[in-house]
N, C-alpha and C. Protein backbone atom coordinates (compact mmCIF):
# COMPACT_ATOMS: atom_id res chain seq x y z
N MET A 1 -15.30 -17.68 -2.01
CA MET A 1 -14.07 -16.94 -2.17
C MET A 1 -14.37 -15.45 -2.29
N CYS A 2 -13.61 -14.66 -1.58
CA CYS A 2 -13.78 -13.22 -1.56
C CYS A 2 -13.05 -12.58 -2.74
N THR A 3 -13.68 -11.60 -3.35
CA THR A 3 -12.98 -10.84 -4.38
C THR A 3 -12.76 -9.43 -3.87
N TYR A 4 -11.66 -8.86 -4.24
CA TYR A 4 -11.28 -7.54 -3.76
C TYR A 4 -11.17 -6.58 -4.93
N PRO A 5 -11.41 -5.29 -4.67
CA PRO A 5 -11.20 -4.31 -5.73
C PRO A 5 -9.73 -4.33 -6.15
N LYS A 6 -9.49 -4.04 -7.40
CA LYS A 6 -8.12 -4.00 -7.92
C LYS A 6 -7.50 -2.62 -7.65
N VAL A 7 -6.20 -2.61 -7.54
CA VAL A 7 -5.47 -1.37 -7.30
C VAL A 7 -5.41 -0.57 -8.60
N LYS A 8 -5.77 0.71 -8.51
CA LYS A 8 -5.72 1.59 -9.67
C LYS A 8 -4.45 2.45 -9.63
N THR A 9 -4.17 3.05 -8.46
CA THR A 9 -2.96 3.87 -8.31
C THR A 9 -2.36 3.65 -6.94
N VAL A 10 -1.06 3.89 -6.83
CA VAL A 10 -0.37 3.85 -5.53
C VAL A 10 0.60 5.02 -5.47
N THR A 11 0.62 5.69 -4.31
CA THR A 11 1.52 6.81 -4.09
C THR A 11 2.24 6.58 -2.77
N PRO A 12 3.58 6.57 -2.79
CA PRO A 12 4.31 6.44 -1.53
C PRO A 12 4.21 7.75 -0.75
N LEU A 13 3.91 7.65 0.53
CA LEU A 13 3.84 8.81 1.41
C LEU A 13 5.04 8.80 2.35
N ASP A 14 5.22 9.90 3.06
CA ASP A 14 6.29 9.95 4.05
C ASP A 14 6.02 8.94 5.16
N ASP A 15 7.06 8.56 5.82
CA ASP A 15 6.96 7.70 7.00
C ASP A 15 6.45 6.29 6.69
N GLY A 16 6.78 5.77 5.51
CA GLY A 16 6.50 4.37 5.23
C GLY A 16 5.06 3.99 4.99
N ARG A 17 4.28 4.92 4.48
CA ARG A 17 2.87 4.62 4.18
C ARG A 17 2.61 4.71 2.69
N LEU A 18 1.55 4.05 2.25
CA LEU A 18 1.12 4.11 0.86
C LEU A 18 -0.30 4.64 0.79
N ARG A 19 -0.56 5.50 -0.19
CA ARG A 19 -1.94 5.90 -0.49
C ARG A 19 -2.34 5.07 -1.71
N VAL A 20 -3.37 4.26 -1.54
CA VAL A 20 -3.78 3.31 -2.58
C VAL A 20 -5.21 3.64 -3.00
N THR A 21 -5.41 3.84 -4.30
CA THR A 21 -6.75 4.03 -4.85
C THR A 21 -7.13 2.76 -5.59
N PHE A 22 -8.33 2.28 -5.30
CA PHE A 22 -8.82 1.05 -5.90
C PHE A 22 -9.76 1.36 -7.06
N ASP A 23 -10.08 0.34 -7.85
CA ASP A 23 -10.92 0.56 -9.03
C ASP A 23 -12.37 0.88 -8.70
N ASN A 24 -12.75 0.82 -7.43
CA ASN A 24 -14.08 1.27 -7.01
C ASN A 24 -14.02 2.69 -6.46
N ASP A 25 -12.88 3.37 -6.67
CA ASP A 25 -12.60 4.75 -6.27
C ASP A 25 -12.48 4.96 -4.76
N VAL A 26 -12.39 3.90 -3.99
CA VAL A 26 -12.08 4.02 -2.57
C VAL A 26 -10.58 4.21 -2.43
N CYS A 27 -10.20 5.16 -1.58
CA CYS A 27 -8.78 5.45 -1.34
C CYS A 27 -8.45 5.06 0.10
N LYS A 28 -7.37 4.31 0.26
CA LYS A 28 -6.95 3.86 1.59
C LYS A 28 -5.48 4.20 1.81
N VAL A 29 -5.13 4.32 3.09
CA VAL A 29 -3.74 4.53 3.49
C VAL A 29 -3.28 3.25 4.18
N TYR A 30 -2.18 2.69 3.69
CA TYR A 30 -1.64 1.45 4.22
C TYR A 30 -0.29 1.73 4.85
N ASP A 31 -0.12 1.35 6.11
CA ASP A 31 1.13 1.58 6.84
C ASP A 31 2.05 0.37 6.67
N CYS A 32 3.16 0.58 5.98
CA CYS A 32 4.13 -0.51 5.74
C CYS A 32 5.13 -0.68 6.88
N LYS A 33 5.19 0.25 7.82
CA LYS A 33 6.21 0.19 8.87
C LYS A 33 6.23 -1.12 9.64
N PRO A 34 5.08 -1.69 10.04
CA PRO A 34 5.14 -2.96 10.76
C PRO A 34 5.77 -4.10 9.95
N LEU A 35 5.69 -4.00 8.64
CA LEU A 35 6.26 -5.05 7.78
C LEU A 35 7.78 -5.05 7.80
N LEU A 36 8.39 -3.92 8.15
CA LEU A 36 9.85 -3.80 8.10
C LEU A 36 10.55 -4.77 9.04
N ARG A 37 9.82 -5.31 10.02
CA ARG A 37 10.40 -6.30 10.94
C ARG A 37 10.61 -7.65 10.28
N LYS A 38 9.93 -7.87 9.16
CA LYS A 38 10.07 -9.14 8.43
C LYS A 38 11.23 -8.99 7.44
N PRO A 39 12.12 -9.98 7.40
CA PRO A 39 13.31 -9.86 6.55
C PRO A 39 13.02 -9.51 5.09
N VAL A 40 11.97 -10.08 4.51
CA VAL A 40 11.70 -9.81 3.10
C VAL A 40 11.36 -8.34 2.85
N PHE A 41 10.76 -7.66 3.84
CA PHE A 41 10.36 -6.27 3.68
C PHE A 41 11.39 -5.28 4.22
N ALA A 42 12.41 -5.74 4.93
CA ALA A 42 13.41 -4.87 5.54
C ALA A 42 14.05 -3.89 4.55
N PRO A 43 14.30 -4.26 3.29
CA PRO A 43 14.90 -3.30 2.35
C PRO A 43 14.04 -2.05 2.12
N LEU A 44 12.75 -2.11 2.45
CA LEU A 44 11.89 -0.95 2.25
C LEU A 44 12.19 0.18 3.23
N ALA A 45 13.05 -0.06 4.20
CA ALA A 45 13.50 1.01 5.09
C ALA A 45 14.32 2.04 4.29
N ASN A 46 14.84 1.62 3.15
CA ASN A 46 15.55 2.53 2.24
C ASN A 46 14.49 3.37 1.52
N ARG A 47 14.50 4.69 1.77
CA ARG A 47 13.48 5.57 1.20
C ARG A 47 13.45 5.53 -0.32
N TRP A 48 14.64 5.45 -0.93
CA TRP A 48 14.68 5.42 -2.39
C TRP A 48 13.93 4.20 -2.91
N LEU A 49 14.21 3.05 -2.35
CA LEU A 49 13.52 1.83 -2.79
C LEU A 49 12.02 1.93 -2.52
N PHE A 50 11.66 2.42 -1.34
CA PHE A 50 10.24 2.52 -0.98
C PHE A 50 9.48 3.35 -2.02
N ARG A 51 10.10 4.41 -2.50
CA ARG A 51 9.43 5.31 -3.46
C ARG A 51 9.31 4.73 -4.87
N THR A 52 9.89 3.56 -5.13
CA THR A 52 9.79 2.95 -6.46
C THR A 52 8.56 2.05 -6.62
N VAL A 53 7.68 2.04 -5.63
CA VAL A 53 6.49 1.18 -5.66
C VAL A 53 5.67 1.42 -6.94
N GLN A 54 5.13 0.34 -7.49
CA GLN A 54 4.31 0.40 -8.70
C GLN A 54 3.12 -0.54 -8.56
N VAL A 55 2.08 -0.23 -9.32
CA VAL A 55 0.91 -1.12 -9.37
C VAL A 55 1.27 -2.32 -10.24
N ASP A 56 0.94 -3.51 -9.75
CA ASP A 56 1.17 -4.73 -10.52
C ASP A 56 0.22 -4.78 -11.73
N PRO A 57 0.62 -5.43 -12.81
CA PRO A 57 -0.27 -5.58 -13.96
C PRO A 57 -1.60 -6.20 -13.53
N GLY A 58 -2.68 -5.62 -14.01
CA GLY A 58 -4.01 -6.12 -13.66
C GLY A 58 -4.53 -5.59 -12.34
N GLY A 59 -3.70 -4.83 -11.60
CA GLY A 59 -4.14 -4.26 -10.33
C GLY A 59 -4.23 -5.25 -9.20
N TYR A 60 -3.51 -6.37 -9.30
CA TYR A 60 -3.59 -7.42 -8.28
C TYR A 60 -2.75 -7.14 -7.05
N GLY A 61 -2.16 -5.97 -6.97
CA GLY A 61 -1.34 -5.59 -5.82
C GLY A 61 -0.35 -4.52 -6.22
N VAL A 62 0.66 -4.34 -5.37
CA VAL A 62 1.74 -3.39 -5.65
C VAL A 62 3.06 -4.11 -5.43
N SER A 63 4.10 -3.62 -6.08
CA SER A 63 5.40 -4.25 -5.89
C SER A 63 6.51 -3.21 -6.02
N TRP A 64 7.63 -3.58 -5.42
CA TRP A 64 8.84 -2.77 -5.48
C TRP A 64 9.87 -3.43 -6.39
N ASN A 65 9.90 -4.72 -6.37
CA ASN A 65 10.79 -5.50 -7.24
C ASN A 65 10.21 -6.91 -7.30
N GLU A 66 10.94 -7.83 -7.88
CA GLU A 66 10.38 -9.19 -8.03
C GLU A 66 10.29 -9.96 -6.72
N ASP A 67 10.92 -9.44 -5.66
CA ASP A 67 10.91 -10.12 -4.36
C ASP A 67 9.97 -9.49 -3.34
N ILE A 68 9.61 -8.23 -3.53
CA ILE A 68 8.83 -7.51 -2.52
C ILE A 68 7.53 -7.02 -3.14
N ASP A 69 6.41 -7.53 -2.62
CA ASP A 69 5.11 -7.11 -3.12
C ASP A 69 4.04 -7.28 -2.06
N LEU A 70 2.89 -6.66 -2.30
CA LEU A 70 1.73 -6.78 -1.43
C LEU A 70 0.50 -7.00 -2.31
N ALA A 71 -0.34 -7.92 -1.91
CA ALA A 71 -1.56 -8.23 -2.67
C ALA A 71 -2.65 -7.21 -2.39
N GLU A 72 -3.57 -7.08 -3.34
CA GLU A 72 -4.68 -6.15 -3.17
C GLU A 72 -5.51 -6.50 -1.94
N ALA A 73 -5.62 -7.77 -1.59
CA ALA A 73 -6.39 -8.17 -0.40
C ALA A 73 -5.77 -7.59 0.87
N GLU A 74 -4.45 -7.66 0.99
CA GLU A 74 -3.76 -7.10 2.16
C GLU A 74 -3.98 -5.60 2.25
N LEU A 75 -3.82 -4.91 1.13
CA LEU A 75 -4.00 -3.45 1.11
C LEU A 75 -5.43 -3.07 1.44
N TRP A 76 -6.39 -3.81 0.92
CA TRP A 76 -7.80 -3.52 1.14
C TRP A 76 -8.20 -3.80 2.59
N GLU A 77 -7.83 -4.96 3.10
CA GLU A 77 -8.26 -5.36 4.43
C GLU A 77 -7.58 -4.58 5.55
N HIS A 78 -6.33 -4.19 5.35
CA HIS A 78 -5.57 -3.55 6.42
C HIS A 78 -5.29 -2.07 6.20
N GLY A 79 -5.72 -1.55 5.07
CA GLY A 79 -5.61 -0.11 4.84
C GLY A 79 -6.73 0.62 5.55
N VAL A 80 -6.48 1.89 5.87
CA VAL A 80 -7.48 2.73 6.51
C VAL A 80 -8.09 3.63 5.44
N THR A 81 -9.42 3.59 5.32
CA THR A 81 -10.09 4.41 4.32
C THR A 81 -9.72 5.87 4.55
N LEU A 82 -9.41 6.58 3.47
CA LEU A 82 -8.89 7.94 3.56
C LEU A 82 -9.77 8.85 4.38
N GLU A 83 -11.08 8.81 4.21
CA GLU A 83 -11.98 9.66 4.99
C GLU A 83 -11.83 9.37 6.48
N VAL A 84 -11.70 8.11 6.84
CA VAL A 84 -11.52 7.73 8.24
C VAL A 84 -10.18 8.23 8.75
N ALA A 85 -9.13 8.08 7.95
CA ALA A 85 -7.79 8.53 8.35
C ALA A 85 -7.80 10.03 8.62
N GLN A 86 -8.47 10.80 7.78
CA GLN A 86 -8.52 12.25 7.98
C GLN A 86 -9.33 12.61 9.22
N THR A 87 -10.39 11.86 9.49
CA THR A 87 -11.23 12.12 10.65
C THR A 87 -10.46 11.93 11.96
N VAL A 88 -9.59 10.93 12.01
CA VAL A 88 -8.84 10.67 13.23
C VAL A 88 -7.50 11.41 13.26
N GLY A 89 -7.28 12.30 12.28
CA GLY A 89 -6.11 13.15 12.31
C GLY A 89 -4.83 12.55 11.78
N VAL A 90 -4.92 11.52 10.94
CA VAL A 90 -3.73 10.94 10.34
C VAL A 90 -3.36 11.78 9.12
N PRO A 91 -2.17 12.40 9.09
CA PRO A 91 -1.79 13.21 7.94
C PRO A 91 -1.58 12.34 6.70
N VAL A 92 -2.17 12.74 5.59
CA VAL A 92 -2.01 11.99 4.34
C VAL A 92 -1.65 12.90 3.19
């Protein structure tokens, strides 16, 4: 079984992205826009709701409410490491 670093902080960015810092001090940018096609994530198109993201207790992921959340594994595996994002010109 794989273990993943826990989420330490999360910051909502413009255009539906999250900046996530893990407990190993790696920072990644996660693009939530593709998730908006799924009904459970569609409410995140509302900027106000998107900006309410919080770290789950214990750092096991992030959530917006009791129905919408993302696990640390998803954020870790599909996020782009901040240094890489800056190298390829992704504004963060």
